[in-house]
Amino acid sequence: MGKSKILITGGAGFIGSNLCEYFLSEGHAVVCLDNFATGQRHNLSSFLDNPNFRLIEGDIRNLSDCENAVKGMDYVLHQAALGSVPRSINDPITTNDVNVSGFLNMLVASRDAGVKRFIYAASSSTYGDSESLPKVEDVIGKPLSPYAITKYVNELYAEIFARTYGLETIGLRYFNVFGRKQDPNGAYAAVIPKFVMQLMKHESPVINGDGNFSRDFTYIDNVIQMNELAMKAKNPEAVNTVYNTAFGDRNTLNDLVGYLKKYLSEFDASIAEIPIIYGPNRAGDIPHSLASIEKAKKLLNYDPKFSIEQGLKEAVKWYWQHLK
């Protein structure tokens, strides 16, 4: 790969800022495009002064912003999106504008700029109502939310751009990613940072349902590895396709809270005694999610290093240091 020029859209977000940090540490030149709708400036503070880093404030819904950002880039890591199933149910129009129209703008700009490869954040929500476990890339169901529709449409557009225009694309279907820099605040905060924050404040976390829904919780460093492998892939069979990006194991929400209480109580023993509250199931939620990672292992040599326990230990340590 050598030293490359990499555009990371949504680079001030949780996953995007971790990607910026990693690729800068590897000596690459990184451009971040973000409109700060959900990204945080403080996620970029440690490398704003790095001469290899450039921040462009712009919106993927504006084609000219996309064209400006992608100029001279070798690779695009497209992370910019409006996440969250509940947000998409509350406001499907904005979710579609960002996730579909914005995605198409980025594809067009990348095609016209002649980038080597367009790697994008796809989603496990694409599996929809398919009940088969583990989830295998070529077996999907019907989407269960507007958000899931937008992420499936992204895959269809990427496939068409590969076939019609020769733009190399790889989609990474992220499964419940967690780790440092993930925002615990806001109405649509992800479950892990939200629960960590509540437990640190000695508040009872609220689990939707009975806590037996299960997820393939995936630590951020596994996701960074997948993005790098997707950039490096040389085998033609490995390109113009999608991959599950996960650890390949599942844990219930009850398991998750148990781990969080255990690791947080190493800093504050009283957290172990905080009771859990159970509420109603959430609309659009799938009961169980577990990824097969065989395709990524075979075609990309993917080898995830962090299980949920190892990842949560690291994440809890980070939250304790940065949010306490």
C-alpha atoms as a PDB file:
ATOM      1  CA  MET A   1       0.000   0.000   0.000  1.00  0.00           C
ATOM      2  CA  GLY A   2       2.932   2.358   0.657  1.00  0.00           C
ATOM      3  CA  LYS A   3       2.105   5.753   2.125  1.00  0.00           C
ATOM      4  CA  SER A   4      -1.353   6.542   0.824  1.00  0.00           C
ATOM      5  CA  LYS A   5      -3.743   9.479   0.773  1.00  0.00           C
ATOM      6  CA  ILE A   6      -6.919   8.403   2.524  1.00  0.00           C
ATOM      7  CA  LEU A   7     -10.221  10.254   2.758  1.00  0.00           C
ATOM      8  CA  ILE A   8     -12.265   9.276   5.819  1.00  0.00           C
ATOM      9  CA  THR A   9     -15.812  10.620   5.681  1.00  0.00           C
ATOM     10  CA  GLY A  10     -17.443  10.986   9.081  1.00  0.00           C
ATOM     11  CA  GLY A  11     -13.903  11.118  10.435  1.00  0.00           C
ATOM     12  CA  ALA A  12     -14.944  12.970  13.599  1.00  0.00           C
ATOM     13  CA  GLY A  13     -17.318  10.167  14.574  1.00  0.00           C
ATOM     14  CA  PHE A  14     -16.571   7.178  16.780  1.00  0.00           C
ATOM     15  CA  ILE A  15     -15.328   4.744  14.121  1.00  0.00           C
ATOM     16  CA  GLY A  16     -14.059   7.451  11.763  1.00  0.00           C
ATOM     17  CA  SER A  17     -11.844   9.163  14.356  1.00  0.00           C
ATOM     18  CA  ASN A  18     -10.317   5.829  15.376  1.00  0.00           C
ATOM     19  CA  LEU A  19      -9.537   5.168  11.701  1.00  0.00           C
ATOM     20  CA  CYS A  20      -8.000   8.653  11.333  1.00  0.00           C
ATOM     21  CA  GLU A  21      -5.815   8.074  14.385  1.00  0.00           C
ATOM     22  CA  TYR A  22      -4.657   4.635  13.247  1.00  0.00           C
ATOM     23  CA  PHE A  23      -3.784   5.547   9.652  1.00  0.00           C
ATOM     24  CA  LEU A  24      -1.968   8.703  10.750  1.00  0.00           C
ATOM     25  CA  SER A  25       0.058   6.556  13.157  1.00  0.00           C
ATOM     26  CA  GLU A  26       1.001   4.381  10.160  1.00  0.00           C
ATOM     27  CA  GLY A  27       2.340   7.424   8.293  1.00  0.00           C
ATOM     28  CA  HIS A  28      -0.459   7.918   5.764  1.00  0.00           C
ATOM     29  CA  ALA A  29      -1.912  11.304   4.773  1.00  0.00           C
ATOM     30  CA  VAL A  30      -5.499  11.537   6.058  1.00  0.00           C
ATOM     31  CA  VAL A  31      -8.283  13.906   5.082  1.00  0.00           C
ATOM     32  CA  CYS A  32     -11.397  13.972   7.278  1.00  0.00           C
ATOM     33  CA  LEU A  33     -14.727  15.184   5.852  1.00  0.00           C
ATOM     34  CA  ASP A  34     -17.362  15.827   8.517  1.00  0.00           C
ATOM     35  CA  ASN A  35     -20.308  18.174   9.090  1.00  0.00           C
ATOM     36  CA  PHE A  36     -20.307  17.537  12.876  1.00  0.00           C
ATOM     37  CA  ALA A  37     -23.978  16.520  12.898  1.00  0.00           C
ATOM     38  CA  THR A  38     -23.014  13.561  15.079  1.00  0.00           C
ATOM     39  CA  GLY A  39     -19.183  13.735  15.037  1.00  0.00           C
ATOM     40  CA  GLN A  40     -17.286  15.424  17.856  1.00  0.00           C
ATOM     41  CA  ARG A  41     -14.427  17.917  17.467  1.00  0.00           C
ATOM     42  CA  HIS A  42     -12.715  16.548  20.571  1.00  0.00           C
ATOM     43  CA  ASN A  43     -12.334  13.191  18.789  1.00  0.00           C
ATOM     44  CA  LEU A  44      -9.847  14.921  16.461  1.00  0.00           C
ATOM     45  CA  SER A  45      -7.994  17.026  19.035  1.00  0.00           C
ATOM     46  CA  SER A  46      -4.990  14.712  19.429  1.00  0.00           C
ATOM     47  CA  PHE A  47      -4.021  14.921  15.739  1.00  0.00           C
ATOM     48  CA  LEU A  48      -5.323  18.311  14.513  1.00  0.00           C
ATOM     49  CA  ASP A  49      -1.725  19.566  14.500  1.00  0.00           C
ATOM     50  CA  ASN A  50      -0.392  16.560  12.579  1.00  0.00           C
ATOM     51  CA  PRO A  51       0.974  17.841   9.222  1.00  0.00           C
ATOM     52  CA  ASN A  52      -0.404  14.696   7.543  1.00  0.00           C
ATOM     53  CA  PHE A  53      -3.969  15.498   8.678  1.00  0.00           C
ATOM     54  CA  ARG A  54      -6.486  17.830   7.049  1.00  0.00           C
ATOM     55  CA  LEU A  55     -10.022  18.555   8.216  1.00  0.00           C
ATOM     56  CA  ILE A  56     -12.666  19.599   5.704  1.00  0.00           C
ATOM     57  CA  GLU A  57     -15.957  20.761   7.183  1.00  0.00           C
ATOM     58  CA  GLY A  58     -18.563  19.743   4.680  1.00  0.00           C
ATOM     59  CA  ASP A  59     -21.652  17.657   4.063  1.00  0.00           C
ATOM     60  CA  ILE A  60     -21.871  14.547   1.908  1.00  0.00           C
ATOM     61  CA  ARG A  61     -25.306  15.778   0.784  1.00  0.00           C
ATOM     62  CA  ASN A  62     -23.442  18.461  -1.210  1.00  0.00           C
ATOM     63  CA  LEU A  63     -21.733  16.948  -4.248  1.00  0.00           C
ATOM     64  CA  SER A  64     -19.225  19.824  -4.411  1.00  0.00           C
ATOM     65  CA  ASP A  65     -18.067  19.056  -0.830  1.00  0.00           C
ATOM     66  CA  CYS A  66     -17.541  15.417  -1.821  1.00  0.00           C
ATOM     67  CA  GLU A  67     -15.618  16.405  -4.967  1.00  0.00           C
ATOM     68  CA  ASN A  68     -13.423  18.787  -2.998  1.00  0.00           C
ATOM     69  CA  ALA A  69     -12.625  16.176  -0.343  1.00  0.00           C
ATOM     70  CA  VAL A  70     -11.853  13.310  -2.709  1.00  0.00           C
ATOM     71  CA  LYS A  71      -9.379  15.240  -4.919  1.00  0.00           C
ATOM     72  CA  GLY A  72      -6.046  13.438  -5.109  1.00  0.00           C
ATOM     73  CA  MET A  73      -7.090  10.608  -2.778  1.00  0.00           C
ATOM     74  CA  ASP A  74      -5.976   7.004  -3.215  1.00  0.00           C
ATOM     75  CA  TYR A  75      -8.638   5.450  -0.973  1.00  0.00           C
ATOM     76  CA  VAL A  76     -11.982   6.460   0.489  1.00  0.00           C
ATOM     77  CA  LEU A  77     -13.137   5.005   3.811  1.00  0.00           C
ATOM     78  CA  HIS A  78     -16.771   6.088   3.853  1.00  0.00           C
ATOM     79  CA  GLN A  79     -18.059   6.122   7.429  1.00  0.00           C
ATOM     80  CA  ALA A  80     -20.367   9.163   7.247  1.00  0.00           C
ATOM     81  CA  ALA A  81     -23.985   8.203   7.934  1.00  0.00           C
ATOM     82  CA  LEU A  82     -26.871   8.810  10.267  1.00  0.00           C
ATOM     83  CA  GLY A  83     -26.892   5.682  12.407  1.00  0.00           C
ATOM     84  CA  SER A  84     -29.608   4.389  14.733  1.00  0.00           C
ATOM     85  CA  VAL A  85     -32.755   2.425  13.950  1.00  0.00           C
ATOM     86  CA  PRO A  86     -34.962   4.576  16.251  1.00  0.00           C
ATOM     87  CA  ARG A  87     -33.705   7.802  14.631  1.00  0.00           C
ATOM     88  CA  SER A  88     -34.588   6.438  11.186  1.00  0.00           C
ATOM     89  CA  ILE A  89     -38.074   5.487  12.396  1.00  0.00           C
ATOM     90  CA  ASN A  90     -38.562   8.999  13.811  1.00  0.00           C
ATOM     91  CA  ASP A  91     -37.115  10.800  10.771  1.00  0.00           C
ATOM     92  CA  PRO A  92     -36.807   8.566   7.695  1.00  0.00           C
ATOM     93  CA  ILE A  93     -36.352  11.467   5.269  1.00  0.00           C
ATOM     94  CA  THR A  94     -33.126  12.839   6.814  1.00  0.00           C
ATOM     95  CA  THR A  95     -31.747   9.319   7.262  1.00  0.00           C
ATOM     96  CA  ASN A  96     -32.383   8.633   3.573  1.00  0.00           C
ATOM     97  CA  ASP A  97     -30.897  11.983   2.458  1.00  0.00           C
ATOM     98  CA  VAL A  98     -27.638  11.330   4.308  1.00  0.00           C
ATOM     99  CA  ASN A  99     -27.319   7.580   3.901  1.00  0.00           C
ATOM    100  CA  VAL A 100     -28.534   7.195   0.306  1.00  0.00           C
ATOM    101  CA  SER A 101     -28.183  10.546  -1.482  1.00  0.00           C
ATOM    102  CA  GLY A 102     -24.961  11.318   0.412  1.00  0.00           C
ATOM    103  CA  PHE A 103     -23.604   7.856  -0.364  1.00  0.00           C
ATOM    104  CA  LEU A 104     -24.382   8.269  -4.069  1.00  0.00           C
ATOM    105  CA  ASN A 105     -22.623  11.655  -4.089  1.00  0.00           C
ATOM    106  CA  MET A 106     -19.528  10.032  -2.598  1.00  0.00           C
ATOM    107  CA  LEU A 107     -19.594   7.229  -5.178  1.00  0.00           C
ATOM    108  CA  VAL A 108     -19.894   9.708  -8.068  1.00  0.00           C
ATOM    109  CA  ALA A 109     -17.111  11.928  -6.669  1.00  0.00           C
ATOM    110  CA  SER A 110     -14.860   8.892  -6.079  1.00  0.00           C
ATOM    111  CA  ARG A 111     -15.491   7.553  -9.585  1.00  0.00           C
ATOM    112  CA  ASP A 112     -14.743  10.922 -11.177  1.00  0.00           C
ATOM    113  CA  ALA A 113     -11.574  11.429  -9.087  1.00  0.00           C
ATOM    114  CA  GLY A 114     -10.270   7.979 -10.032  1.00  0.00           C
ATOM    115  CA  VAL A 115      -9.753   6.683  -6.488  1.00  0.00           C
ATOM    116  CA  LYS A 116      -8.216   3.219  -6.251  1.00  0.00           C
ATOM    117  CA  ARG A 117     -10.877   1.768  -3.951  1.00  0.00           C
ATOM    118  CA  PHE A 118     -14.039   2.840  -2.133  1.00  0.00           C
ATOM    119  CA  ILE A 119     -14.509   1.035   1.192  1.00  0.00           C
ATOM    120  CA  TYR A 120     -17.720   1.748   3.038  1.00  0.00           C
ATOM    121  CA  ALA A 121     -19.474   1.071   6.309  1.00  0.00           C
ATOM    122  CA  ALA A 122     -22.287  -1.350   5.588  1.00  0.00           C
ATOM    123  CA  SER A 123     -24.454  -2.769   8.371  1.00  0.00           C
ATOM    124  CA  SER A 124     -25.609  -6.017   9.949  1.00  0.00           C
ATOM    125  CA  SER A 125     -29.111  -4.475   9.843  1.00  0.00           C
ATOM    126  CA  THR A 126     -29.169  -5.600   6.194  1.00  0.00           C
ATOM    127  CA  TYR A 127     -29.919  -9.139   7.418  1.00  0.00           C
ATOM    128  CA  GLY A 128     -33.365  -7.884   8.459  1.00  0.00           C
ATOM    129  CA  ASP A 129     -35.902 -10.582   9.250  1.00  0.00           C
ATOM    130  CA  SER A 130     -33.656 -13.464   8.173  1.00  0.00           C
ATOM    131  CA  GLU A 131     -33.625 -15.878  11.115  1.00  0.00           C
ATOM    132  CA  SER A 132     -30.669 -18.008  10.032  1.00  0.00           C
ATOM    133  CA  LEU A 133     -27.618 -17.966  12.318  1.00  0.00           C
ATOM    134  CA  PRO A 134     -24.789 -17.330  11.878  1.00  0.00           C
ATOM    135  CA  LYS A 135     -25.351 -14.557   9.323  1.00  0.00           C
ATOM    136  CA  VAL A 136     -23.689 -15.416   6.025  1.00  0.00           C
ATOM    137  CA  GLU A 137     -23.117 -12.604   3.523  1.00  0.00           C
ATOM    138  CA  ASP A 138     -25.273 -13.943   0.689  1.00  0.00           C
ATOM    139  CA  VAL A 139     -28.359 -14.810   2.790  1.00  0.00           C
ATOM    140  CA  ILE A 140     -30.341 -11.728   3.812  1.00  0.00           C
ATOM    141  CA  GLY A 141     -33.963 -11.052   4.727  1.00  0.00           C
ATOM    142  CA  LYS A 142     -36.282  -8.077   4.388  1.00  0.00           C
ATOM    143  CA  PRO A 143     -35.169  -4.854   6.139  1.00  0.00           C
ATOM    144  CA  LEU A 144     -36.904  -4.009   9.428  1.00  0.00           C
ATOM    145  CA  SER A 145     -36.320  -0.230   9.538  1.00  0.00           C
ATOM    146  CA  PRO A 146     -35.713   2.767   7.258  1.00  0.00           C
ATOM    147  CA  TYR A 147     -32.071   2.701   8.413  1.00  0.00           C
ATOM    148  CA  ALA A 148     -31.686  -0.910   7.284  1.00  0.00           C
ATOM    149  CA  ILE A 149     -33.156  -0.042   3.870  1.00  0.00           C
ATOM    150  CA  THR A 150     -30.605   2.752   3.395  1.00  0.00           C
ATOM    151  CA  LYS A 151     -27.680   0.475   4.224  1.00  0.00           C
ATOM    152  CA  TYR A 152     -28.929  -2.212   1.833  1.00  0.00           C
ATOM    153  CA  VAL A 153     -29.356   0.395  -0.917  1.00  0.00           C
ATOM    154  CA  ASN A 154     -25.701   1.388  -0.336  1.00  0.00           C
ATOM    155  CA  GLU A 155     -24.634  -2.168  -1.170  1.00  0.00           C
ATOM    156  CA  LEU A 156     -26.744  -2.186  -4.347  1.00  0.00           C
ATOM    157  CA  TYR A 157     -25.287   1.146  -5.493  1.00  0.00           C
ATOM    158  CA  ALA A 158     -21.723   0.023  -4.745  1.00  0.00           C
ATOM    159  CA  GLU A 159     -22.250  -3.142  -6.783  1.00  0.00           C
ATOM    160  CA  ILE A 160     -23.617  -1.148  -9.744  1.00  0.00           C
ATOM    161  CA  PHE A 161     -20.708   1.329  -9.618  1.00  0.00           C
ATOM    162  CA  ALA A 162     -18.244  -1.558  -9.608  1.00  0.00           C
ATOM    163  CA  ARG A 163     -19.970  -3.254 -12.544  1.00  0.00           C
ATOM    164  CA  THR A 164     -20.814  -0.159 -14.613  1.00  0.00           C
ATOM    165  CA  TYR A 165     -17.901   2.187 -13.965  1.00  0.00           C
ATOM    166  CA  GLY A 166     -15.137  -0.106 -12.733  1.00  0.00           C
ATOM    167  CA  LEU A 167     -14.895   1.577  -9.320  1.00  0.00           C
ATOM    168  CA  GLU A 168     -13.492  -0.986  -6.864  1.00  0.00           C
ATOM    169  CA  THR A 169     -15.731  -1.209  -3.788  1.00  0.00           C
ATOM    170  CA  ILE A 170     -15.779  -3.220  -0.568  1.00  0.00           C
ATOM    171  CA  GLY A 171     -18.610  -3.061   1.974  1.00  0.00           C
ATOM    172  CA  LEU A 172     -17.989  -3.904   5.619  1.00  0.00           C
ATOM    173  CA  ARG A 173     -21.127  -5.003   7.442  1.00  0.00           C
ATOM    174  CA  TYR A 174     -20.398  -3.763  10.937  1.00  0.00           C
ATOM    175  CA  PHE A 175     -21.860  -5.726  13.853  1.00  0.00           C
ATOM    176  CA  ASN A 176     -22.433  -3.686  17.058  1.00  0.00           C
ATOM    177  CA  VAL A 177     -19.096  -1.911  17.159  1.00  0.00           C
ATOM    178  CA  PHE A 178     -17.911  -0.502  20.505  1.00  0.00           C
ATOM    179  CA  GLY A 179     -14.820   1.022  22.062  1.00  0.00           C
ATOM    180  CA  ARG A 180     -12.938   4.225  22.884  1.00  0.00           C
ATOM    181  CA  LYS A 181     -14.428   7.537  21.690  1.00  0.00           C
ATOM    182  CA  GLN A 182     -17.961   6.134  21.386  1.00  0.00           C
ATOM    183  CA  ASP A 183     -20.333   8.853  22.584  1.00  0.00           C
ATOM    184  CA  PRO A 184     -22.392   7.973  25.708  1.00  0.00           C
ATOM    185  CA  ASN A 185     -24.629  11.040  25.347  1.00  0.00           C
ATOM    186  CA  GLY A 186     -27.618  11.894  23.199  1.00  0.00           C
ATOM    187  CA  ALA A 187     -30.969  10.297  22.481  1.00  0.00           C
ATOM    188  CA  TYR A 188     -29.458   7.660  20.176  1.00  0.00           C
ATOM    189  CA  ALA A 189     -26.373   6.688  22.153  1.00  0.00           C
ATOM    190  CA  ALA A 190     -25.187   3.124  21.583  1.00  0.00           C
ATOM    191  CA  VAL A 191     -25.973   0.679  24.367  1.00  0.00           C
ATOM    192  CA  ILE A 192     -22.439   0.056  25.699  1.00  0.00           C
ATOM    193  CA  PRO A 193     -21.289   3.661  26.333  1.00  0.00           C
ATOM    194  CA  LYS A 194     -24.780   4.527  27.594  1.00  0.00           C
ATOM    195  CA  PHE A 195     -24.753   1.671  30.115  1.00  0.00           C
ATOM    196  CA  VAL A 196     -21.176   2.489  31.180  1.00  0.00           C
ATOM    197  CA  MET A 197     -22.132   6.110  31.828  1.00  0.00           C
ATOM    198  CA  GLN A 198     -25.235   5.109  33.809  1.00  0.00           C
ATOM    199  CA  LEU A 199     -23.329   2.604  35.936  1.00  0.00           C
ATOM    200  CA  MET A 200     -20.568   5.130  36.637  1.00  0.00           C
ATOM    201  CA  LYS A 201     -23.275   7.508  37.886  1.00  0.00           C
ATOM    202  CA  HIS A 202     -24.787   4.681  39.987  1.00  0.00           C
ATOM    203  CA  GLU A 203     -27.941   4.682  37.832  1.00  0.00           C
ATOM    204  CA  SER A 204     -29.738   1.488  36.786  1.00  0.00           C
ATOM    205  CA  PRO A 205     -29.378   0.672  33.073  1.00  0.00           C
ATOM    206  CA  VAL A 206     -32.665  -0.062  31.268  1.00  0.00           C
ATOM    207  CA  ILE A 207     -32.584  -3.139  29.040  1.00  0.00           C
ATOM    208  CA  ASN A 208     -35.192  -3.333  26.252  1.00  0.00           C
ATOM    209  CA  GLY A 209     -37.008  -6.662  26.667  1.00  0.00           C
ATOM    210  CA  ASP A 210     -35.909  -9.497  28.953  1.00  0.00           C
ATOM    211  CA  GLY A 211     -32.194  -9.138  28.197  1.00  0.00           C
ATOM    212  CA  ASN A 212     -31.989 -12.362  26.196  1.00  0.00           C
ATOM    213  CA  PHE A 213     -31.629 -10.688  22.797  1.00  0.00           C
ATOM    214  CA  SER A 214     -28.059 -11.366  21.652  1.00  0.00           C
ATOM    215  CA  ARG A 215     -25.516  -9.473  19.568  1.00  0.00           C
ATOM    216  CA  ASP A 216     -22.091 -10.001  18.029  1.00  0.00           C
ATOM    217  CA  PHE A 217     -20.379  -7.160  19.917  1.00  0.00           C
ATOM    218  CA  THR A 218     -17.286  -6.078  17.988  1.00  0.00           C
ATOM    219  CA  TYR A 219     -14.366  -4.098  19.430  1.00  0.00           C
ATOM    220  CA  ILE A 220     -13.116  -1.119  17.429  1.00  0.00           C
ATOM    221  CA  ASP A 221      -9.623  -2.573  16.826  1.00  0.00           C
ATOM    222  CA  ASN A 222     -11.151  -5.513  14.932  1.00  0.00           C
ATOM    223  CA  VAL A 223     -12.945  -2.977  12.708  1.00  0.00           C
ATOM    224  CA  ILE A 224      -9.722  -1.027  12.076  1.00  0.00           C
ATOM    225  CA  GLN A 225      -8.046  -4.291  11.040  1.00  0.00           C
ATOM    226  CA  MET A 226     -10.856  -5.013   8.548  1.00  0.00           C
ATOM    227  CA  ASN A 227     -10.619  -1.556   6.968  1.00  0.00           C
ATOM    228  CA  GLU A 228      -6.875  -1.939   6.524  1.00  0.00           C
ATOM    229  CA  LEU A 229      -7.220  -5.426   5.040  1.00  0.00           C
ATOM    230  CA  ALA A 230      -9.914  -4.161   2.654  1.00  0.00           C
ATOM    231  CA  MET A 231      -7.496  -1.465   1.438  1.00  0.00           C
ATOM    232  CA  LYS A 232      -4.641  -3.931   0.994  1.00  0.00           C
ATOM    233  CA  ALA A 233      -6.604  -6.734  -0.722  1.00  0.00           C
ATOM    234  CA  LYS A 234      -4.940  -7.781  -3.999  1.00  0.00           C
ATOM    235  CA  ASN A 235      -6.988 -10.849  -4.935  1.00  0.00           C
ATOM    236  CA  PRO A 236      -9.665  -9.813  -7.512  1.00  0.00           C
ATOM    237  CA  GLU A 237     -12.080 -12.228  -5.801  1.00  0.00           C
ATOM    238  CA  ALA A 238     -11.754 -10.201  -2.562  1.00  0.00           C
ATOM    239  CA  VAL A 239     -12.949  -6.947  -4.152  1.00  0.00           C
ATOM    240  CA  ASN A 240     -16.429  -5.717  -5.187  1.00  0.00           C
ATOM    241  CA  THR A 241     -18.168  -7.640  -2.444  1.00  0.00           C
ATOM    242  CA  VAL A 242     -19.280  -7.291   1.187  1.00  0.00           C
ATOM    243  CA  TYR A 243     -17.895  -8.768   4.412  1.00  0.00           C
ATOM    244  CA  ASN A 244     -19.227  -9.305   7.895  1.00  0.00           C
ATOM    245  CA  THR A 245     -17.074  -7.253  10.252  1.00  0.00           C
ATOM    246  CA  ALA A 246     -17.441  -8.850  13.669  1.00  0.00           C
ATOM    247  CA  PHE A 247     -15.800 -11.162  16.178  1.00  0.00           C
ATOM    248  CA  GLY A 248     -17.947 -14.181  15.320  1.00  0.00           C
ATOM    249  CA  ASP A 249     -19.455 -14.799  18.783  1.00  0.00           C
ATOM    250  CA  ARG A 250     -22.617 -13.580  20.478  1.00  0.00           C
ATOM    251  CA  ASN A 251     -23.586 -12.420  23.938  1.00  0.00           C
ATOM    252  CA  THR A 252     -26.935 -11.473  25.420  1.00  0.00           C
ATOM    253  CA  LEU A 253     -27.626  -8.013  26.822  1.00  0.00           C
ATOM    254  CA  ASN A 254     -27.723  -9.668  30.257  1.00  0.00           C
ATOM    255  CA  ASP A 255     -24.206 -11.024  29.609  1.00  0.00           C
ATOM    256  CA  LEU A 256     -23.108  -7.574  28.508  1.00  0.00           C
ATOM    257  CA  VAL A 257     -24.328  -5.816  31.650  1.00  0.00           C
ATOM    258  CA  GLY A 258     -22.722  -8.540  33.758  1.00  0.00           C
ATOM    259  CA  TYR A 259     -19.335  -7.900  32.129  1.00  0.00           C
ATOM    260  CA  LEU A 260     -19.707  -4.124  32.476  1.00  0.00           C
ATOM    261  CA  LYS A 261     -20.542  -4.361  36.168  1.00  0.00           C
ATOM    262  CA  LYS A 262     -17.626  -6.743  36.717  1.00  0.00           C
ATOM    263  CA  TYR A 263     -15.035  -4.545  34.971  1.00  0.00           C
ATOM    264  CA  LEU A 264     -16.356  -1.236  36.331  1.00  0.00           C
ATOM    265  CA  SER A 265     -16.472  -2.585  39.882  1.00  0.00           C
ATOM    266  CA  GLU A 266     -12.675  -2.938  39.698  1.00  0.00           C
ATOM    267  CA  PHE A 267     -12.664   0.886  39.836  1.00  0.00           C
ATOM    268  CA  ASP A 268     -15.712   1.281  42.107  1.00  0.00           C
ATOM    269  CA  ALA A 269     -16.827  -1.813  44.061  1.00  0.00           C
ATOM    270  CA  SER A 270     -20.372  -0.506  44.662  1.00  0.00           C
ATOM    271  CA  ILE A 271     -21.191  -0.720  40.921  1.00  0.00           C
ATOM    272  CA  ALA A 272     -21.471  -4.509  41.275  1.00  0.00           C
ATOM    273  CA  GLU A 273     -24.649  -4.054  43.334  1.00  0.00           C
ATOM    274  CA  ILE A 274     -26.561  -1.718  40.970  1.00  0.00           C
ATOM    275  CA  PRO A 275     -29.858  -3.336  39.889  1.00  0.00           C
ATOM    276  CA  ILE A 276     -30.971  -3.614  36.245  1.00  0.00           C
ATOM    277  CA  ILE A 277     -34.358  -2.386  34.990  1.00  0.00           C
ATOM    278  CA  TYR A 278     -36.186  -4.170  32.162  1.00  0.00           C
ATOM    279  CA  GLY A 279     -38.439  -2.288  29.738  1.00  0.00           C
ATOM    280  CA  PRO A 280     -40.451  -3.078  26.584  1.00  0.00           C
ATOM    281  CA  ASN A 281     -38.835  -4.385  23.396  1.00  0.00           C
ATOM    282  CA  ARG A 282     -37.774  -1.700  20.910  1.00  0.00           C
ATOM    283  CA  ALA A 283     -39.400  -1.374  17.459  1.00  0.00           C
ATOM    284  CA  GLY A 284     -37.206  -2.588  14.589  1.00  0.00           C
ATOM    285  CA  ASP A 285     -34.856  -4.616  16.806  1.00  0.00           C
ATOM    286  CA  ILE A 286     -33.816  -8.044  15.611  1.00  0.00           C
ATOM    287  CA  PRO A 287     -33.739 -10.692  18.362  1.00  0.00           C
ATOM    288  CA  HIS A 288     -30.368 -12.302  17.612  1.00  0.00           C
ATOM    289  CA  SER A 289     -27.303 -11.414  15.613  1.00  0.00           C
ATOM    290  CA  LEU A 290     -24.201 -13.521  15.021  1.00  0.00           C
ATOM    291  CA  ALA A 291     -21.774 -13.152  12.132  1.00  0.00           C
ATOM    292  CA  SER A 292     -19.991 -15.804  10.173  1.00  0.00           C
ATOM    293  CA  ILE A 293     -16.518 -14.343   9.584  1.00  0.00           C
ATOM    294  CA  GLU A 294     -15.325 -17.203   7.375  1.00  0.00           C
ATOM    295  CA  LYS A 295     -15.448 -15.155   4.160  1.00  0.00           C
ATOM    296  CA  ALA A 296     -13.281 -12.384   5.645  1.00  0.00           C
ATOM    297  CA  LYS A 297     -10.843 -14.952   7.057  1.00  0.00           C
ATOM    298  CA  LYS A 298     -10.553 -16.700   3.704  1.00  0.00           C
ATOM    299  CA  LEU A 299     -10.373 -13.723   1.311  1.00  0.00           C
ATOM    300  CA  LEU A 300      -8.827 -11.003   3.515  1.00  0.00           C
ATOM    301  CA  ASN A 301      -6.888 -13.068   6.102  1.00  0.00           C
ATOM    302  CA  TYR A 302      -8.965 -11.424   8.819  1.00  0.00           C
ATOM    303  CA  ASP A 303      -7.910 -12.433  12.319  1.00  0.00           C
ATOM    304  CA  PRO A 304      -9.840 -10.493  15.009  1.00  0.00           C
ATOM    305  CA  LYS A 305      -7.791 -10.038  18.176  1.00  0.00           C
ATOM    306  CA  PHE A 306     -10.428  -8.787  20.636  1.00  0.00           C
ATOM    307  CA  SER A 307     -13.278 -10.832  22.122  1.00  0.00           C
ATOM    308  CA  ILE A 308     -16.098  -8.983  23.882  1.00  0.00           C
ATOM    309  CA  GLU A 309     -14.379  -9.491  27.269  1.00  0.00           C
ATOM    310  CA  GLN A 310     -11.012  -8.194  26.044  1.00  0.00           C
ATOM    311  CA  GLY A 311     -12.655  -5.274  24.246  1.00  0.00           C
ATOM    312  CA  LEU A 312     -14.863  -4.304  27.190  1.00  0.00           C
ATOM    313  CA  LYS A 313     -11.887  -4.284  29.548  1.00  0.00           C
ATOM    314  CA  GLU A 314     -10.132  -1.801  27.241  1.00  0.00           C
ATOM    315  CA  ALA A 315     -13.273   0.274  26.672  1.00  0.00           C
ATOM    316  CA  VAL A 316     -14.162   0.483  30.370  1.00  0.00           C
ATOM    317  CA  LYS A 317     -10.616   1.602  31.198  1.00  0.00           C
ATOM    318  CA  TRP A 318     -10.868   4.329  28.544  1.00  0.00           C
ATOM    319  CA  TYR A 319     -14.277   5.554  29.749  1.00  0.00           C
ATOM    320  CA  TRP A 320     -13.114   5.611  33.359  1.00  0.00           C
ATOM    321  CA  GLN A 321     -10.110   7.749  32.438  1.00  0.00           C
ATOM    322  CA  HIS A 322     -11.969  10.119  30.106  1.00  0.00           C
ATOM    323  CA  LEU A 323     -15.463  10.475  31.549  1.00  0.00           C
ATOM    324  CA  LYS A 324     -15.099  10.132  35.292  1.00  0.00           C
END
